[in-house]
Amino acid sequence: MSGDLGERVLKRRTELGLTQDQLASQAGISRMGVAKIELSVTQSARADTLFSLAKALKCKPEWLLYGKGSPELDERNIEPGPAIEQYVPEVNWVQAGNWTSAGDSVHPADAPLHPCPVKCSSGTFALRVKGQSMEPRFEENDLIFVDPNQVDAEHGKFVVAMMEGSDEATFKQLQIIEGQKMLKALNPDYPPDMRYVKINGNCRLVGTVISHVKPV
């Protein structure tokens, strides 16, 4: 189907005989929010808003977002799967370094969406592991979910951090030994001078890894 997100929301709402107030109530957003989307004043939606709208409109979120395929859900012969807390955008390592807890750095329309298998905040995002520094536990192309609302320094946690002077975020294990904070690469074969990086005021924690998914 051609058109934009607003046209598809309006079309589906009309098909279901819902008013803007009813859709807003079911999706957990304001009526003004629905109106702005339908009028294309707001031309996109956050991941959590998108999937709330799709659920209320009984359609596929991919159809709402991209207009591809049929909006109809096929519920035949489908066994219920594990509960999905939220769909989150996959970003790159440069975008991750500029991420905020509000999750405004990257719009879902610009990024693939992934179901986060654990409870997370609305600003949570996903990253593809790259490189070998975190092997063998984390391998290249694994998917990690990062919650930017969890930035308290905690020993042993896996974190995404932004080092001063770098354009990209980095993924390491946080170590706090006798008050000294360090970022540790898990790979035992990593160069010794790179396996432990001392940090102080030269590092900002972007978020804590809350889930890890390996590709099938």
C-alpha atoms as a PDB file:
ATOM      1  CA  MET A   1       0.000   0.000   0.000  1.00  0.00           C
ATOM      2  CA  SER A   2       1.268   3.484  -0.848  1.00  0.00           C
ATOM      3  CA  GLY A   3       0.984   6.485   1.417  1.00  0.00           C
ATOM      4  CA  ASP A   4       2.512   7.229   4.776  1.00  0.00           C
ATOM      5  CA  LEU A   5       2.046   6.122   8.360  1.00  0.00           C
ATOM      6  CA  GLY A   6      -0.753   8.636   8.972  1.00  0.00           C
ATOM      7  CA  GLU A   7      -2.786   7.452   6.000  1.00  0.00           C
ATOM      8  CA  ARG A   8      -2.477   3.830   7.090  1.00  0.00           C
ATOM      9  CA  VAL A   9      -3.501   4.608  10.678  1.00  0.00           C
ATOM     10  CA  LEU A  10      -6.534   6.550   9.426  1.00  0.00           C
ATOM     11  CA  LYS A  11      -7.485   3.800   6.961  1.00  0.00           C
ATOM     12  CA  ARG A  12      -7.274   1.047   9.538  1.00  0.00           C
ATOM     13  CA  ARG A  13      -9.068   3.043  12.239  1.00  0.00           C
ATOM     14  CA  THR A  14     -11.909   3.764   9.817  1.00  0.00           C
ATOM     15  CA  GLU A  15     -12.135   0.088   8.813  1.00  0.00           C
ATOM     16  CA  LEU A  16     -12.502  -0.895  12.462  1.00  0.00           C
ATOM     17  CA  GLY A  17     -15.059   1.829  13.142  1.00  0.00           C
ATOM     18  CA  LEU A  18     -12.988   3.448  15.861  1.00  0.00           C
ATOM     19  CA  THR A  19     -13.013   7.107  16.785  1.00  0.00           C
ATOM     20  CA  GLN A  20      -9.761   8.909  17.474  1.00  0.00           C
ATOM     21  CA  ASP A  21     -10.663   8.938  21.159  1.00  0.00           C
ATOM     22  CA  GLN A  22     -11.236   5.180  21.170  1.00  0.00           C
ATOM     23  CA  LEU A  23      -7.972   4.460  19.360  1.00  0.00           C
ATOM     24  CA  ALA A  24      -6.087   6.795  21.690  1.00  0.00           C
ATOM     25  CA  SER A  25      -7.541   5.074  24.744  1.00  0.00           C
ATOM     26  CA  GLN A  26      -6.711   1.568  23.488  1.00  0.00           C
ATOM     27  CA  ALA A  27      -3.194   2.534  22.384  1.00  0.00           C
ATOM     28  CA  GLY A  28      -2.426   4.479  25.562  1.00  0.00           C
ATOM     29  CA  ILE A  29      -1.669   7.769  23.807  1.00  0.00           C
ATOM     30  CA  SER A  30      -3.482  11.097  23.568  1.00  0.00           C
ATOM     31  CA  ARG A  31      -6.201  11.857  21.026  1.00  0.00           C
ATOM     32  CA  MET A  32      -4.059  14.779  19.860  1.00  0.00           C
ATOM     33  CA  GLY A  33      -1.233  12.317  19.296  1.00  0.00           C
ATOM     34  CA  VAL A  34      -3.480  10.195  17.066  1.00  0.00           C
ATOM     35  CA  ALA A  35      -4.667  13.291  15.195  1.00  0.00           C
ATOM     36  CA  LYS A  36      -1.112  14.493  14.548  1.00  0.00           C
ATOM     37  CA  ILE A  37      -0.124  11.082  13.174  1.00  0.00           C
ATOM     38  CA  GLU A  38      -3.168  10.884  10.896  1.00  0.00           C
ATOM     39  CA  LEU A  39      -2.567  14.418   9.611  1.00  0.00           C
ATOM     40  CA  SER A  40       1.115  13.579   9.044  1.00  0.00           C
ATOM     41  CA  VAL A  41       2.121  16.392  11.380  1.00  0.00           C
ATOM     42  CA  THR A  42       3.960  13.603  13.166  1.00  0.00           C
ATOM     43  CA  GLN A  43       5.350  11.451  10.371  1.00  0.00           C
ATOM     44  CA  SER A  44       6.765   8.687  12.526  1.00  0.00           C
ATOM     45  CA  ALA A  45       6.351   7.054  15.927  1.00  0.00           C
ATOM     46  CA  ARG A  46       8.511   5.662  18.676  1.00  0.00           C
ATOM     47  CA  ALA A  47       8.796   1.874  18.805  1.00  0.00           C
ATOM     48  CA  ASP A  48       6.534   1.500  21.855  1.00  0.00           C
ATOM     49  CA  THR A  49       3.906   3.834  20.345  1.00  0.00           C
ATOM     50  CA  LEU A  50       4.051   2.023  16.998  1.00  0.00           C
ATOM     51  CA  PHE A  51       3.397  -1.377  18.544  1.00  0.00           C
ATOM     52  CA  SER A  52       0.665  -0.040  20.818  1.00  0.00           C
ATOM     53  CA  LEU A  53      -1.067   1.395  17.741  1.00  0.00           C
ATOM     54  CA  ALA A  54      -0.649  -1.871  15.841  1.00  0.00           C
ATOM     55  CA  LYS A  55      -2.145  -3.838  18.718  1.00  0.00           C
ATOM     56  CA  ALA A  56      -5.116  -1.458  18.997  1.00  0.00           C
ATOM     57  CA  LEU A  57      -5.612  -1.503  15.199  1.00  0.00           C
ATOM     58  CA  LYS A  58      -5.241  -5.288  15.049  1.00  0.00           C
ATOM     59  CA  CYS A  59      -2.649  -5.133  12.311  1.00  0.00           C
ATOM     60  CA  LYS A  60       0.986  -5.893  11.674  1.00  0.00           C
ATOM     61  CA  PRO A  61       3.382  -3.186  12.907  1.00  0.00           C
ATOM     62  CA  GLU A  62       5.456  -3.691   9.744  1.00  0.00           C
ATOM     63  CA  TRP A  63       2.444  -2.746   7.640  1.00  0.00           C
ATOM     64  CA  LEU A  64       1.847   0.395   9.695  1.00  0.00           C
ATOM     65  CA  LEU A  65       5.492   1.407   9.448  1.00  0.00           C
ATOM     66  CA  TYR A  66       6.309   0.526   5.859  1.00  0.00           C
ATOM     67  CA  GLY A  67       2.983  -0.257   4.149  1.00  0.00           C
ATOM     68  CA  LYS A  68       4.307  -3.609   2.933  1.00  0.00           C
ATOM     69  CA  GLY A  69       2.122  -6.684   2.607  1.00  0.00           C
ATOM     70  CA  SER A  70      -1.255  -7.139   4.200  1.00  0.00           C
ATOM     71  CA  PRO A  71      -2.289  -5.526   7.473  1.00  0.00           C
ATOM     72  CA  GLU A  72      -4.244  -8.609   8.500  1.00  0.00           C
ATOM     73  CA  LEU A  73      -2.936 -10.769  11.327  1.00  0.00           C
ATOM     74  CA  ASP A  74      -2.938 -14.521  10.698  1.00  0.00           C
ATOM     75  CA  GLU A  75      -3.717 -16.080  14.047  1.00  0.00           C
ATOM     76  CA  ARG A  76      -4.379 -19.598  12.752  1.00  0.00           C
ATOM     77  CA  ASN A  77      -2.260 -22.414  14.166  1.00  0.00           C
ATOM     78  CA  ILE A  78      -0.004 -20.039  16.050  1.00  0.00           C
ATOM     79  CA  GLU A  79       1.178 -21.106  19.481  1.00  0.00           C
ATOM     80  CA  PRO A  80       1.700 -18.270  21.946  1.00  0.00           C
ATOM     81  CA  GLY A  81       5.370 -17.416  22.337  1.00  0.00           C
ATOM     82  CA  PRO A  82       7.211 -15.796  25.210  1.00  0.00           C
ATOM     83  CA  ALA A  83       5.969 -12.422  26.372  1.00  0.00           C
ATOM     84  CA  ILE A  84       7.557  -9.487  24.572  1.00  0.00           C
ATOM     85  CA  GLU A  85       8.156  -6.481  26.762  1.00  0.00           C
ATOM     86  CA  GLN A  86       8.849  -3.969  23.990  1.00  0.00           C
ATOM     87  CA  TYR A  87      10.232  -3.580  20.470  1.00  0.00           C
ATOM     88  CA  VAL A  88      13.391  -1.515  20.323  1.00  0.00           C
ATOM     89  CA  PRO A  89      15.437  -0.024  17.473  1.00  0.00           C
ATOM     90  CA  GLU A  90      18.786  -1.444  16.402  1.00  0.00           C
ATOM     91  CA  VAL A  91      21.353   1.343  16.121  1.00  0.00           C
ATOM     92  CA  ASN A  92      24.994   1.517  15.092  1.00  0.00           C
ATOM     93  CA  TRP A  93      27.925   2.208  17.413  1.00  0.00           C
ATOM     94  CA  VAL A  94      28.205   5.884  16.483  1.00  0.00           C
ATOM     95  CA  GLN A  95      24.494   6.429  17.189  1.00  0.00           C
ATOM     96  CA  ALA A  96      24.823   4.521  20.465  1.00  0.00           C
ATOM     97  CA  GLY A  97      27.474   6.972  21.639  1.00  0.00           C
ATOM     98  CA  ASN A  98      25.011   9.849  21.237  1.00  0.00           C
ATOM     99  CA  TRP A  99      22.023   7.998  22.677  1.00  0.00           C
ATOM    100  CA  THR A 100      19.950   9.449  25.497  1.00  0.00           C
ATOM    101  CA  SER A 101      17.562   7.828  27.957  1.00  0.00           C
ATOM    102  CA  ALA A 102      14.720   9.384  25.956  1.00  0.00           C
ATOM    103  CA  GLY A 103      15.813   7.355  22.926  1.00  0.00           C
ATOM    104  CA  ASP A 104      15.481  10.313  20.554  1.00  0.00           C
ATOM    105  CA  SER A 105      18.748   9.841  18.668  1.00  0.00           C
ATOM    106  CA  VAL A 106      17.363   7.363  16.136  1.00  0.00           C
ATOM    107  CA  HIS A 107      13.803   7.088  14.956  1.00  0.00           C
ATOM    108  CA  PRO A 108      12.280   3.602  14.581  1.00  0.00           C
ATOM    109  CA  ALA A 109      11.505   4.374  10.927  1.00  0.00           C
ATOM    110  CA  ASP A 110      15.262   4.544  10.333  1.00  0.00           C
ATOM    111  CA  ALA A 111      16.177   1.335  12.140  1.00  0.00           C
ATOM    112  CA  PRO A 112      15.220  -2.356  12.334  1.00  0.00           C
ATOM    113  CA  LEU A 113      13.066  -3.195  15.339  1.00  0.00           C
ATOM    114  CA  HIS A 114      13.677  -6.138  17.667  1.00  0.00           C
ATOM    115  CA  PRO A 115      11.573  -7.589  20.485  1.00  0.00           C
ATOM    116  CA  CYS A 116      13.336  -7.129  23.806  1.00  0.00           C
ATOM    117  CA  PRO A 117      12.915 -10.358  25.800  1.00  0.00           C
ATOM    118  CA  VAL A 118      13.167  -8.683  29.214  1.00  0.00           C
ATOM    119  CA  LYS A 119      11.604  -5.716  30.975  1.00  0.00           C
ATOM    120  CA  CYS A 120      13.222  -2.497  29.778  1.00  0.00           C
ATOM    121  CA  SER A 121      12.799   1.271  29.689  1.00  0.00           C
ATOM    122  CA  SER A 122      11.317   3.115  26.713  1.00  0.00           C
ATOM    123  CA  GLY A 123      14.768   4.336  25.620  1.00  0.00           C
ATOM    124  CA  THR A 124      16.280   0.852  25.281  1.00  0.00           C
ATOM    125  CA  PHE A 125      18.100   0.059  22.034  1.00  0.00           C
ATOM    126  CA  ALA A 126      19.860  -2.893  20.410  1.00  0.00           C
ATOM    127  CA  LEU A 127      23.393  -3.213  19.043  1.00  0.00           C
ATOM    128  CA  ARG A 128      25.197  -5.785  16.917  1.00  0.00           C
ATOM    129  CA  VAL A 129      28.405  -6.961  18.553  1.00  0.00           C
ATOM    130  CA  LYS A 130      31.420  -6.325  16.373  1.00  0.00           C
ATOM    131  CA  GLY A 131      35.002  -7.405  16.793  1.00  0.00           C
ATOM    132  CA  GLN A 132      36.446 -10.110  19.026  1.00  0.00           C
ATOM    133  CA  SER A 133      37.129  -8.275  22.278  1.00  0.00           C
ATOM    134  CA  MET A 134      34.200  -9.889  24.129  1.00  0.00           C
ATOM    135  CA  GLU A 135      34.634 -13.456  22.898  1.00  0.00           C
ATOM    136  CA  PRO A 136      33.937 -16.198  23.724  1.00  0.00           C
ATOM    137  CA  ARG A 137      30.759 -15.119  25.552  1.00  0.00           C
ATOM    138  CA  PHE A 138      29.762 -12.465  23.011  1.00  0.00           C
ATOM    139  CA  GLU A 139      30.527 -13.145  19.353  1.00  0.00           C
ATOM    140  CA  GLU A 140      30.402 -10.892  16.329  1.00  0.00           C
ATOM    141  CA  ASN A 141      26.853 -10.226  15.104  1.00  0.00           C
ATOM    142  CA  ASP A 142      25.261 -11.218  18.431  1.00  0.00           C
ATOM    143  CA  LEU A 143      22.491  -8.824  19.437  1.00  0.00           C
ATOM    144  CA  ILE A 144      22.734  -7.022  22.775  1.00  0.00           C
ATOM    145  CA  PHE A 145      19.974  -4.929  24.340  1.00  0.00           C
ATOM    146  CA  VAL A 146      21.104  -1.811  26.191  1.00  0.00           C
ATOM    147  CA  ASP A 147      19.035   0.130  28.721  1.00  0.00           C
ATOM    148  CA  PRO A 148      20.233   3.766  28.984  1.00  0.00           C
ATOM    149  CA  ASN A 149      18.316   4.244  32.222  1.00  0.00           C
ATOM    150  CA  GLN A 150      20.757   1.889  33.915  1.00  0.00           C
ATOM    151  CA  VAL A 151      23.984   3.890  34.103  1.00  0.00           C
ATOM    152  CA  ASP A 152      25.005   3.402  37.735  1.00  0.00           C
ATOM    153  CA  ALA A 153      28.527   1.985  37.868  1.00  0.00           C
ATOM    154  CA  GLU A 154      28.195  -1.617  39.077  1.00  0.00           C
ATOM    155  CA  HIS A 155      31.067  -4.080  39.227  1.00  0.00           C
ATOM    156  CA  GLY A 156      30.789  -7.007  36.833  1.00  0.00           C
ATOM    157  CA  LYS A 157      28.043  -5.526  34.666  1.00  0.00           C
ATOM    158  CA  PHE A 158      28.366  -5.484  30.888  1.00  0.00           C
ATOM    159  CA  VAL A 159      28.112  -1.912  29.698  1.00  0.00           C
ATOM    160  CA  VAL A 160      28.210   0.258  26.617  1.00  0.00           C
ATOM    161  CA  ALA A 161      30.425   3.273  27.198  1.00  0.00           C
ATOM    162  CA  MET A 162      31.641   6.332  25.335  1.00  0.00           C
ATOM    163  CA  MET A 163      35.323   7.184  25.713  1.00  0.00           C
ATOM    164  CA  GLU A 164      36.487  10.774  25.446  1.00  0.00           C
ATOM    165  CA  GLY A 165      37.817  11.530  21.964  1.00  0.00           C
ATOM    166  CA  SER A 166      36.087   8.532  20.349  1.00  0.00           C
ATOM    167  CA  ASP A 167      33.372   8.681  17.689  1.00  0.00           C
ATOM    168  CA  GLU A 168      31.947   5.266  18.587  1.00  0.00           C
ATOM    169  CA  ALA A 169      30.690   3.605  21.736  1.00  0.00           C
ATOM    170  CA  THR A 170      32.472   0.544  23.095  1.00  0.00           C
ATOM    171  CA  PHE A 171      31.182  -2.651  24.736  1.00  0.00           C
ATOM    172  CA  LYS A 172      33.050  -4.038  27.745  1.00  0.00           C
ATOM    173  CA  GLN A 173      32.674  -5.423  31.269  1.00  0.00           C
ATOM    174  CA  LEU A 174      32.882  -2.843  34.045  1.00  0.00           C
ATOM    175  CA  GLN A 175      35.363  -3.673  36.793  1.00  0.00           C
ATOM    176  CA  ILE A 176      35.731  -1.675  40.009  1.00  0.00           C
ATOM    177  CA  ILE A 177      38.807  -2.732  41.974  1.00  0.00           C
ATOM    178  CA  GLU A 178      39.831  -0.748  45.061  1.00  0.00           C
ATOM    179  CA  GLY A 179      37.910   2.239  43.767  1.00  0.00           C
ATOM    180  CA  GLN A 180      39.519   2.140  40.324  1.00  0.00           C
ATOM    181  CA  LYS A 181      37.068   1.729  37.446  1.00  0.00           C
ATOM    182  CA  MET A 182      38.173  -0.209  34.389  1.00  0.00           C
ATOM    183  CA  LEU A 183      36.650  -1.516  31.189  1.00  0.00           C
ATOM    184  CA  LYS A 184      37.605  -5.141  30.630  1.00  0.00           C
ATOM    185  CA  ALA A 185      37.671  -7.090  27.362  1.00  0.00           C
ATOM    186  CA  LEU A 186      36.682 -10.730  28.017  1.00  0.00           C
ATOM    187  CA  ASN A 187      38.835 -12.238  25.270  1.00  0.00           C
ATOM    188  CA  PRO A 188      41.885 -13.788  27.009  1.00  0.00           C
ATOM    189  CA  ASP A 189      43.855 -13.452  23.771  1.00  0.00           C
ATOM    190  CA  TYR A 190      43.249  -9.714  23.514  1.00  0.00           C
ATOM    191  CA  PRO A 191      46.421  -7.552  23.687  1.00  0.00           C
ATOM    192  CA  PRO A 192      47.296  -7.003  27.393  1.00  0.00           C
ATOM    193  CA  ASP A 193      47.523  -3.221  27.005  1.00  0.00           C
ATOM    194  CA  MET A 194      43.991  -3.170  25.547  1.00  0.00           C
ATOM    195  CA  ARG A 195      42.305  -5.762  27.742  1.00  0.00           C
ATOM    196  CA  TYR A 196      41.999  -3.410  30.718  1.00  0.00           C
ATOM    197  CA  VAL A 197      41.320   0.282  30.158  1.00  0.00           C
ATOM    198  CA  LYS A 198      41.329   2.506  33.233  1.00  0.00           C
ATOM    199  CA  ILE A 199      38.563   5.078  33.260  1.00  0.00           C
ATOM    200  CA  ASN A 200      37.783   8.115  35.342  1.00  0.00           C
ATOM    201  CA  GLY A 201      36.388  11.373  34.003  1.00  0.00           C
ATOM    202  CA  ASN A 202      37.256  10.312  30.465  1.00  0.00           C
ATOM    203  CA  CYS A 203      34.326   7.928  30.069  1.00  0.00           C
ATOM    204  CA  ARG A 204      30.526   8.142  30.050  1.00  0.00           C
ATOM    205  CA  LEU A 205      28.378   5.069  30.592  1.00  0.00           C
ATOM    206  CA  VAL A 206      25.709   4.958  27.891  1.00  0.00           C
ATOM    207  CA  GLY A 207      23.789   2.058  29.388  1.00  0.00           C
ATOM    208  CA  THR A 208      23.845  -1.473  30.793  1.00  0.00           C
ATOM    209  CA  VAL A 209      23.364  -4.630  28.738  1.00  0.00           C
ATOM    210  CA  ILE A 210      20.148  -6.273  29.939  1.00  0.00           C
ATOM    211  CA  SER A 211      19.792  -9.084  27.393  1.00  0.00           C
ATOM    212  CA  HIS A 212      21.846 -10.985  24.840  1.00  0.00           C
ATOM    213  CA  VAL A 213      20.546 -12.865  21.788  1.00  0.00           C
ATOM    214  CA  LYS A 214      22.578 -14.992  19.393  1.00  0.00           C
ATOM    215  CA  PRO A 215      21.524 -15.207  15.729  1.00  0.00           C
ATOM    216  CA  VAL A 216      19.987 -18.490  14.607  1.00  0.00           C
END
